[in-house]
Amino acid sequence: MARVAIEDHDGVWVLELGRPPINAVELELAEELRDALQTAEATAECRAVVMTGSHGVFCAGIDGRVVPGYDAERRERLIRAVNDVVRQLYGLPKPTIAAINGHALGAGLVIALSCDSRIAAQGYYQLGLNEVSSGERFSAASLAVVEAELDPRSLRLMALRGSTFGPLDDLAAGFVDAVYPATDLLPAALDRARSASRAPGYRAIKRQLREGMLRRLDEVIAQDLDPLLREGLERVGVSPTVG
């Protein structure tokens, strides 16, 4: 069963995470999302991407029931896949909109932060970075995006205290661009995506703004320089790739 559904809305691709009940990230979802984003980038008819989740949840982060049981090989694949997903979303040469329709925690919030614009549904659900309470650490690409997209106060409260909040709270105002009734969320995301895709300079300006960071992330990914990955390789006696 597919974990990432793709719907084409006249050139705007909606990528919907579909791993009920809370769309938690494990290896197969991360790899499917990576592949879907690669296809979106390579397909000329895809002019923009909207990220959302199924079952009234955006994404509740890394699956704490499944991932801790991974062996070294699967954990390394997961780290690589998460880095690829974040880098692809952050650098996709097309507009990307996060339609946050429910809980977005940990890796789920990172996915939203990796999009160019974030809009949210009205409702009672949680946003936040819960790595400090789950014991998971940020991958290299995730950390880079979190640092780039959050102001220092929000980063401190969210990353070090694990503070969670709703879409209308003050902390959300730092990165949520607008809040809509739930029934209006997807139409609003599609409208934003279409409008952005018609801007002739969008691709070039996006690249200018992010070129330095994307270059560093490409080096980290190509040479396996993520500290999480290097630690795992060193534990089993394998030398990480060095350029």
Protein backbone atom coordinates (compact mmCIF):
# COMPACT_ATOMS: atom_id res chain seq x y z
CA MET A 1 0.00 0.00 0.00
CA ALA A 2 1.39 3.40 -1.03
CA ARG A 3 2.43 5.66 1.79
CA VAL A 4 2.52 8.78 -0.40
CA ALA A 5 -0.43 9.49 -2.67
CA ILE A 6 0.04 11.85 -5.64
CA GLU A 7 -2.84 13.81 -7.14
CA ASP A 8 -2.38 16.14 -10.10
CA HIS A 9 -4.53 19.28 -9.85
CA ASP A 10 -3.88 20.88 -13.23
CA GLY A 11 -0.12 20.94 -12.78
CA VAL A 12 -0.05 21.30 -8.99
CA TRP A 13 0.87 17.97 -7.45
CA VAL A 14 -0.60 17.23 -4.04
CA LEU A 15 1.60 14.80 -2.14
CA GLU A 16 -0.41 13.30 0.71
CA LEU A 17 1.30 11.32 3.46
CA GLY A 18 -0.83 8.25 4.13
CA ARG A 19 0.39 6.05 6.94
CA PRO A 20 -2.48 5.97 9.44
CA PRO A 21 -3.24 6.73 12.12
CA ILE A 22 -0.71 9.60 12.46
CA ASN A 23 1.46 9.40 9.31
CA ALA A 24 4.57 8.74 11.39
CA VAL A 25 7.84 8.54 9.46
CA GLU A 26 9.63 5.25 9.03
CA LEU A 27 11.99 4.03 6.30
CA GLU A 28 9.44 3.15 3.65
CA LEU A 29 7.51 6.42 3.95
CA ALA A 30 10.72 8.47 3.81
CA GLU A 31 11.95 6.62 0.73
CA GLU A 32 8.57 6.88 -1.02
CA LEU A 33 8.45 10.62 -0.35
CA ARG A 34 12.01 11.02 -1.63
CA ASP A 35 11.08 9.19 -4.84
CA ALA A 36 7.87 11.23 -5.27
CA LEU A 37 9.80 14.49 -4.93
CA GLN A 38 12.40 13.32 -7.44
CA THR A 39 9.59 12.55 -9.89
CA ALA A 40 7.94 15.91 -9.25
CA GLU A 41 11.20 17.72 -10.00
CA ALA A 42 11.80 15.74 -13.18
CA THR A 43 8.26 16.16 -14.55
CA ALA A 44 7.83 19.34 -16.55
CA GLU A 45 4.04 19.21 -16.23
CA CYS A 46 4.39 19.48 -12.44
CA ARG A 47 4.63 23.21 -11.80
CA ALA A 48 4.29 23.21 -7.99
CA VAL A 49 3.92 20.85 -5.03
CA VAL A 50 1.53 20.88 -2.06
CA MET A 51 2.44 18.70 0.93
CA THR A 52 -0.32 17.49 3.25
CA GLY A 53 -1.38 14.50 5.31
CA SER A 54 -4.28 12.06 5.45
CA HIS A 55 -6.75 11.28 8.25
CA GLY A 56 -6.66 14.82 9.67
CA VAL A 57 -2.95 14.62 10.55
CA PHE A 58 -0.02 16.21 8.73
CA CYS A 59 2.79 14.08 10.18
CA ALA A 60 3.49 13.24 13.83
CA GLY A 61 7.24 12.70 13.40
CA ILE A 62 9.51 9.66 13.51
CA ASP A 63 7.67 6.44 14.41
CA GLY A 64 8.83 5.75 17.96
CA ARG A 65 7.41 2.25 17.91
CA VAL A 66 9.17 1.06 14.76
CA VAL A 67 12.40 3.00 14.24
CA PRO A 68 14.09 2.11 17.59
CA GLY A 69 14.03 -1.53 16.49
CA TYR A 70 15.93 -0.90 13.26
CA ASP A 71 19.27 -2.55 12.70
CA ALA A 72 22.23 -0.39 11.63
CA GLU A 73 21.56 -0.80 7.91
CA ARG A 74 17.93 0.33 8.08
CA ARG A 75 18.75 3.22 10.40
CA GLU A 76 21.44 4.47 8.01
CA ARG A 77 18.98 4.24 5.11
CA LEU A 78 16.44 6.24 7.13
CA ILE A 79 18.96 9.00 7.92
CA ARG A 80 19.92 9.25 4.25
CA ALA A 81 16.29 9.27 3.12
CA VAL A 82 15.29 11.99 5.60
CA ASN A 83 18.24 14.14 4.50
CA ASP A 84 17.27 13.62 0.86
CA VAL A 85 13.62 14.55 1.49
CA VAL A 86 14.48 17.74 3.37
CA ARG A 87 17.08 18.81 0.83
CA GLN A 88 14.75 18.07 -2.10
CA LEU A 89 11.85 20.01 -0.62
CA TYR A 90 14.00 22.95 0.45
CA GLY A 91 15.72 23.17 -2.92
CA LEU A 92 12.95 22.04 -5.28
CA PRO A 93 13.05 24.45 -8.24
CA LYS A 94 9.27 24.82 -8.06
CA PRO A 95 6.98 26.37 -5.43
CA THR A 96 6.22 24.14 -2.44
CA ILE A 97 3.32 24.73 -0.04
CA ALA A 98 2.71 22.87 3.24
CA ALA A 99 -1.01 22.47 3.94
CA ILE A 100 -0.84 21.60 7.64
CA ASN A 101 -4.14 19.86 8.37
CA GLY A 102 -3.34 18.44 11.82
CA HIS A 103 -0.50 17.40 14.14
CA ALA A 104 2.94 18.34 12.76
CA LEU A 105 5.61 17.23 15.22
CA GLY A 106 9.33 16.54 15.02
CA ALA A 107 10.18 15.35 11.52
CA GLY A 108 6.66 16.30 10.46
CA LEU A 109 7.22 19.93 11.35
CA VAL A 110 10.61 19.79 9.63
CA ILE A 111 8.85 18.69 6.43
CA ALA A 112 6.53 21.69 6.75
CA LEU A 113 9.44 24.05 7.44
CA SER A 114 11.18 22.74 4.32
CA CYS A 115 8.35 24.10 2.17
CA ASP A 116 8.39 27.63 0.81
CA SER A 117 5.07 28.55 2.41
CA ARG A 118 3.16 27.03 5.34
CA ILE A 119 -0.57 27.41 5.84
CA ALA A 120 -2.59 25.66 8.53
CA ALA A 121 -6.12 24.56 9.28
CA GLN A 122 -8.02 25.94 12.22
CA GLY A 123 -8.39 23.38 14.98
CA TYR A 124 -7.04 21.87 18.16
CA TYR A 125 -3.83 20.04 17.31
CA GLN A 126 -0.14 20.29 18.10
CA LEU A 127 2.83 21.79 16.30
CA GLY A 128 6.34 21.46 17.65
CA LEU A 129 9.76 19.83 17.72
CA ASN A 130 9.63 16.88 20.11
CA GLU A 131 13.12 15.49 19.60
CA VAL A 132 14.20 16.60 23.08
CA SER A 133 11.53 14.38 24.64
CA SER A 134 11.73 11.48 22.16
CA GLY A 135 15.52 11.19 22.33
CA GLU A 136 15.93 11.45 18.55
CA ARG A 137 18.46 13.94 17.18
CA PHE A 138 18.15 16.08 14.07
CA SER A 139 19.65 14.83 10.85
CA ALA A 140 22.07 17.26 9.20
CA ALA A 141 19.56 18.56 6.66
CA SER A 142 16.78 18.80 9.24
CA LEU A 143 18.96 20.85 11.59
CA ALA A 144 19.99 23.21 8.78
CA VAL A 145 16.38 23.92 7.83
CA VAL A 146 15.23 24.34 11.45
CA GLU A 147 18.01 26.86 12.09
CA ALA A 148 17.27 28.71 8.84
CA GLU A 149 13.50 28.93 9.22
CA LEU A 150 13.00 29.61 12.95
CA ASP A 151 13.99 32.74 14.84
CA PRO A 152 16.34 32.16 17.82
CA ARG A 153 13.61 32.44 20.48
CA SER A 154 11.30 30.01 18.72
CA LEU A 155 14.18 27.62 18.11
CA ARG A 156 15.16 27.69 21.78
CA LEU A 157 11.63 27.12 23.05
CA MET A 158 10.78 24.47 20.51
CA ALA A 159 14.04 22.53 20.32
CA LEU A 160 15.32 22.76 23.91
CA ARG A 161 12.02 22.81 25.80
CA GLY A 162 9.99 20.75 23.37
CA SER A 163 7.18 23.31 23.56
CA THR A 164 4.09 22.46 21.53
CA PHE A 165 1.38 24.89 20.48
CA GLY A 166 -1.62 25.35 18.23
CA PRO A 167 -1.81 27.03 14.81
CA LEU A 168 -3.06 30.32 16.27
CA ASP A 169 -0.52 30.54 19.11
CA ASP A 170 2.26 33.13 19.12
CA LEU A 171 5.00 30.60 18.33
CA ALA A 172 3.15 29.45 15.21
CA ALA A 173 3.01 33.03 13.96
CA GLY A 174 6.75 32.87 13.28
CA PHE A 175 6.39 30.31 10.50
CA VAL A 176 2.69 29.75 9.68
CA ASP A 177 1.77 32.21 6.94
CA ALA A 178 -2.02 31.94 7.26
CA VAL A 179 -4.73 29.91 9.00
CA TYR A 180 -7.92 28.79 7.23
CA PRO A 181 -11.04 26.81 8.09
CA ALA A 182 -10.24 23.15 7.50
CA THR A 183 -12.51 22.91 4.45
CA ASP A 184 -10.72 25.85 2.81
CA LEU A 185 -7.16 24.67 3.46
CA LEU A 186 -6.47 22.63 0.32
CA PRO A 187 -8.14 25.10 -2.08
CA ALA A 188 -6.06 27.90 -0.49
CA ALA A 189 -2.88 25.85 -0.87
CA LEU A 190 -3.66 25.13 -4.53
CA ASP A 191 -4.33 28.83 -5.18
CA ARG A 192 -1.02 29.83 -3.56
CA ALA A 193 0.85 27.16 -5.52
CA ARG A 194 -0.65 28.25 -8.84
CA SER A 195 0.03 31.91 -8.15
CA ALA A 196 3.66 31.26 -7.21
CA SER A 197 4.21 29.00 -10.23
CA ARG A 198 3.23 31.87 -12.54
CA ALA A 199 5.94 34.20 -11.17
CA PRO A 200 8.69 34.23 -13.82
CA GLY A 201 11.52 34.79 -11.36
CA TYR A 202 10.45 32.32 -8.67
CA ARG A 203 12.90 29.55 -9.49
CA ALA A 204 15.91 31.86 -9.86
CA ILE A 205 15.24 33.85 -6.69
CA LYS A 206 14.62 30.72 -4.64
CA ARG A 207 17.96 29.36 -5.81
CA GLN A 208 19.71 32.65 -4.98
CA LEU A 209 18.29 32.70 -1.46
CA ARG A 210 19.26 29.12 -0.67
CA GLU A 211 22.25 28.37 -2.87
CA GLY A 212 24.88 28.50 -0.12
CA MET A 213 23.02 26.16 2.20
CA LEU A 214 22.03 23.79 -0.58
CA ARG A 215 25.66 23.54 -1.67
CA ARG A 216 26.67 22.58 1.88
CA LEU A 217 23.87 20.04 2.14
CA ASP A 218 24.83 18.49 -1.19
CA GLU A 219 28.35 17.99 0.15
CA VAL A 220 27.10 16.48 3.42
CA ILE A 221 24.79 14.09 1.57
CA ALA A 222 27.25 13.12 -1.17
CA GLN A 223 30.08 12.42 1.27
CA ASP A 224 28.07 10.88 4.14
CA LEU A 225 29.14 13.67 6.49
CA ASP A 226 26.02 13.69 8.66
CA PRO A 227 27.29 13.17 12.25
CA LEU A 228 24.46 10.70 12.92
CA LEU A 229 25.50 8.62 9.96
CA ARG A 230 29.22 8.88 10.67
CA GLU A 231 28.71 7.69 14.24
CA GLY A 232 26.85 4.63 13.03
CA LEU A 233 29.48 3.78 10.45
CA GLU A 234 32.30 4.22 12.95
CA ARG A 235 30.59 1.90 15.46
CA VAL A 236 30.73 -0.95 12.93
CA GLY A 237 34.25 -0.15 11.78
CA VAL A 238 33.52 1.44 8.40
CA SER A 239 35.31 4.61 7.35
CA PRO A 240 32.86 7.32 6.24
CA THR A 241 33.42 8.70 2.77
CA VAL A 242 35.74 11.69 2.65
CA GLY A 243 36.06 13.81 -0.45
